[in-house]
N, C-alpha and C. Protein backbone atom coordinates (compact mmCIF):
# COMPACT_ATOMS: atom_id res chain seq x y z
N MET A 1 0.82 -1.19 0.00
CA MET A 1 0.00 0.00 0.00
C MET A 1 0.86 1.25 0.00
N LYS A 2 1.95 1.22 0.75
CA LYS A 2 2.82 2.39 0.81
C LYS A 2 3.46 2.69 -0.54
N LYS A 3 3.85 1.64 -1.25
CA LYS A 3 4.47 1.85 -2.56
C LYS A 3 3.47 2.43 -3.55
N LEU A 4 2.23 1.98 -3.48
CA LEU A 4 1.19 2.50 -4.37
C LEU A 4 0.95 3.98 -4.08
N LEU A 5 0.88 4.35 -2.81
CA LEU A 5 0.70 5.76 -2.45
C LEU A 5 1.89 6.60 -2.91
N LEU A 6 3.08 6.05 -2.78
CA LEU A 6 4.27 6.77 -3.22
C LEU A 6 4.23 7.01 -4.73
N ILE A 7 3.85 5.99 -5.49
CA ILE A 7 3.76 6.14 -6.95
C ILE A 7 2.70 7.18 -7.32
N ILE A 8 1.55 7.13 -6.67
CA ILE A 8 0.49 8.10 -6.94
C ILE A 8 0.96 9.51 -6.59
N GLY A 9 1.65 9.66 -5.47
CA GLY A 9 2.15 10.97 -5.07
C GLY A 9 3.17 11.52 -6.05
N VAL A 10 4.07 10.69 -6.51
CA VAL A 10 5.08 11.14 -7.47
C VAL A 10 4.43 11.53 -8.79
N LEU A 11 3.46 10.73 -9.25
CA LEU A 11 2.76 11.07 -10.49
C LEU A 11 1.97 12.37 -10.36
N ALA A 12 1.32 12.57 -9.23
CA ALA A 12 0.58 13.81 -9.00
C ALA A 12 1.52 15.00 -8.95
N LEU A 13 2.66 14.85 -8.31
CA LEU A 13 3.63 15.93 -8.24
C LEU A 13 4.16 16.26 -9.64
N ALA A 14 4.49 15.25 -10.41
CA ALA A 14 5.01 15.48 -11.76
C ALA A 14 3.96 16.14 -12.65
N MET A 15 2.72 15.69 -12.56
CA MET A 15 1.66 16.28 -13.37
C MET A 15 1.41 17.74 -12.94
N GLY A 16 1.44 17.99 -11.65
CA GLY A 16 1.26 19.35 -11.15
C GLY A 16 2.35 20.28 -11.64
N LEU A 17 3.59 19.80 -11.64
CA LEU A 17 4.69 20.63 -12.13
C LEU A 17 4.56 20.88 -13.63
N LEU A 18 4.09 19.90 -14.37
CA LEU A 18 3.85 20.09 -15.80
C LEU A 18 2.78 21.14 -16.02
N TRP A 19 1.70 21.07 -15.27
CA TRP A 19 0.63 22.06 -15.41
C TRP A 19 1.11 23.45 -15.06
N ILE A 20 1.94 23.57 -14.03
CA ILE A 20 2.50 24.88 -13.67
C ILE A 20 3.34 25.42 -14.82
N GLY A 21 4.21 24.58 -15.37
CA GLY A 21 5.06 25.00 -16.47
C GLY A 21 4.26 25.41 -17.70
N GLN A 22 3.22 24.67 -18.01
CA GLN A 22 2.39 25.02 -19.16
C GLN A 22 1.59 26.29 -18.90
N GLY A 23 1.04 26.42 -17.71
CA GLY A 23 0.25 27.60 -17.38
C GLY A 23 1.06 28.88 -17.38
N LEU A 24 2.33 28.78 -17.00
CA LEU A 24 3.22 29.95 -16.99
C LEU A 24 3.99 30.11 -18.29
N ASN A 25 3.70 29.28 -19.28
CA ASN A 25 4.30 29.34 -20.62
C ASN A 25 5.79 29.00 -20.62
N TYR A 26 6.23 28.19 -19.66
CA TYR A 26 7.62 27.72 -19.65
C TYR A 26 7.75 26.43 -20.45
N ILE A 27 6.72 25.61 -20.41
CA ILE A 27 6.72 24.34 -21.12
C ILE A 27 5.68 24.44 -22.22
N LYS A 28 6.12 24.29 -23.45
CA LYS A 28 5.21 24.41 -24.59
C LYS A 28 5.03 23.06 -25.27
N TRP A 29 4.77 22.04 -24.44
CA TRP A 29 4.58 20.70 -24.95
C TRP A 29 3.29 20.13 -24.39
N PRO A 30 2.45 19.57 -25.14
CA PRO A 30 2.42 19.56 -26.61
C PRO A 30 2.04 20.94 -27.14
N THR A 31 2.45 21.23 -28.34
CA THR A 31 2.29 22.58 -28.88
C THR A 31 0.83 22.97 -29.06
N SER A 32 -0.05 22.01 -29.18
CA SER A 32 -1.47 22.32 -29.38
C SER A 32 -2.26 22.29 -28.06
N SER A 33 -1.58 22.32 -26.93
CA SER A 33 -2.26 22.22 -25.64
C SER A 33 -3.05 23.49 -25.35
N PHE A 34 -4.25 23.32 -24.84
CA PHE A 34 -5.08 24.46 -24.46
C PHE A 34 -4.65 25.09 -23.14
N MET A 35 -3.72 24.46 -22.43
CA MET A 35 -3.29 24.93 -21.11
C MET A 35 -2.14 25.92 -21.19
N ILE A 36 -1.52 26.07 -22.34
CA ILE A 36 -0.35 26.94 -22.47
C ILE A 36 -0.77 28.40 -22.32
N SER A 37 -0.07 29.12 -21.47
CA SER A 37 -0.30 30.54 -21.18
C SER A 37 -1.65 30.80 -20.54
N GLN A 38 -2.20 29.82 -19.85
CA GLN A 38 -3.46 29.99 -19.12
C GLN A 38 -3.13 29.89 -17.63
N ILE A 39 -3.11 31.04 -16.95
CA ILE A 39 -2.62 31.12 -15.58
C ILE A 39 -3.42 30.24 -14.61
N GLN A 40 -4.71 30.00 -14.90
CA GLN A 40 -5.48 29.17 -13.98
C GLN A 40 -4.92 27.75 -13.90
N TRP A 41 -4.27 27.27 -14.98
CA TRP A 41 -3.67 25.94 -14.94
C TRP A 41 -2.43 25.91 -14.06
N ALA A 42 -1.77 27.04 -13.92
CA ALA A 42 -0.64 27.11 -12.98
C ALA A 42 -1.16 26.97 -11.55
N TYR A 43 -2.31 27.56 -11.26
CA TYR A 43 -2.89 27.42 -9.93
C TYR A 43 -3.37 25.99 -9.67
N TYR A 44 -4.03 25.39 -10.67
CA TYR A 44 -4.47 24.00 -10.53
C TYR A 44 -3.25 23.08 -10.33
N GLY A 45 -2.19 23.34 -11.08
CA GLY A 45 -0.97 22.55 -10.95
C GLY A 45 -0.33 22.70 -9.59
N GLY A 46 -0.36 23.91 -9.06
CA GLY A 46 0.17 24.13 -7.71
C GLY A 46 -0.58 23.33 -6.67
N GLY A 47 -1.89 23.32 -6.79
CA GLY A 47 -2.71 22.53 -5.87
C GLY A 47 -2.43 21.04 -6.00
N LEU A 48 -2.34 20.57 -7.22
CA LEU A 48 -2.06 19.15 -7.44
C LEU A 48 -0.67 18.77 -6.94
N ALA A 49 0.31 19.66 -7.14
CA ALA A 49 1.66 19.38 -6.67
C ALA A 49 1.70 19.30 -5.13
N ILE A 50 0.96 20.18 -4.48
CA ILE A 50 0.90 20.14 -3.01
C ILE A 50 0.26 18.84 -2.54
N ILE A 51 -0.82 18.44 -3.20
CA ILE A 51 -1.47 17.17 -2.84
C ILE A 51 -0.50 16.02 -3.05
N GLY A 52 0.24 16.04 -4.17
CA GLY A 52 1.22 15.00 -4.42
C GLY A 52 2.29 14.94 -3.34
N LEU A 53 2.77 16.10 -2.91
CA LEU A 53 3.77 16.13 -1.84
C LEU A 53 3.20 15.56 -0.54
N LEU A 54 1.96 15.91 -0.23
CA LEU A 54 1.34 15.39 0.98
C LEU A 54 1.18 13.87 0.93
N VAL A 55 0.82 13.35 -0.22
CA VAL A 55 0.68 11.90 -0.37
C VAL A 55 2.04 11.22 -0.23
N ILE A 56 3.08 11.85 -0.79
CA ILE A 56 4.44 11.29 -0.66
C ILE A 56 4.87 11.26 0.81
N VAL A 57 4.63 12.35 1.51
CA VAL A 57 5.01 12.40 2.94
C VAL A 57 4.21 11.36 3.73
N TYR A 58 2.92 11.25 3.44
CA TYR A 58 2.09 10.26 4.14
C TYR A 58 2.56 8.84 3.85
N SER A 59 2.98 8.59 2.61
CA SER A 59 3.40 7.22 2.26
C SER A 59 4.74 6.86 2.90
N ARG A 60 5.52 7.84 3.28
CA ARG A 60 6.83 7.58 3.89
C ARG A 60 6.73 7.29 5.37
N ARG A 61 5.59 7.52 5.98
CA ARG A 61 5.42 7.30 7.41
C ARG A 61 5.17 5.85 7.73
């Protein structure tokens, strides 16, 4: 169970960081993404990254 939570946390963190990068126009992949230069996706990504970090910390206990 701990390994599954760790994997989910890492995936959530990675996806959140991708959304932040796309929302702030740092990551332009894929080029046809509707999330590029849309600041609300940076906020959603920040929330998801925080949740991912919390899941990682919980799985390490």
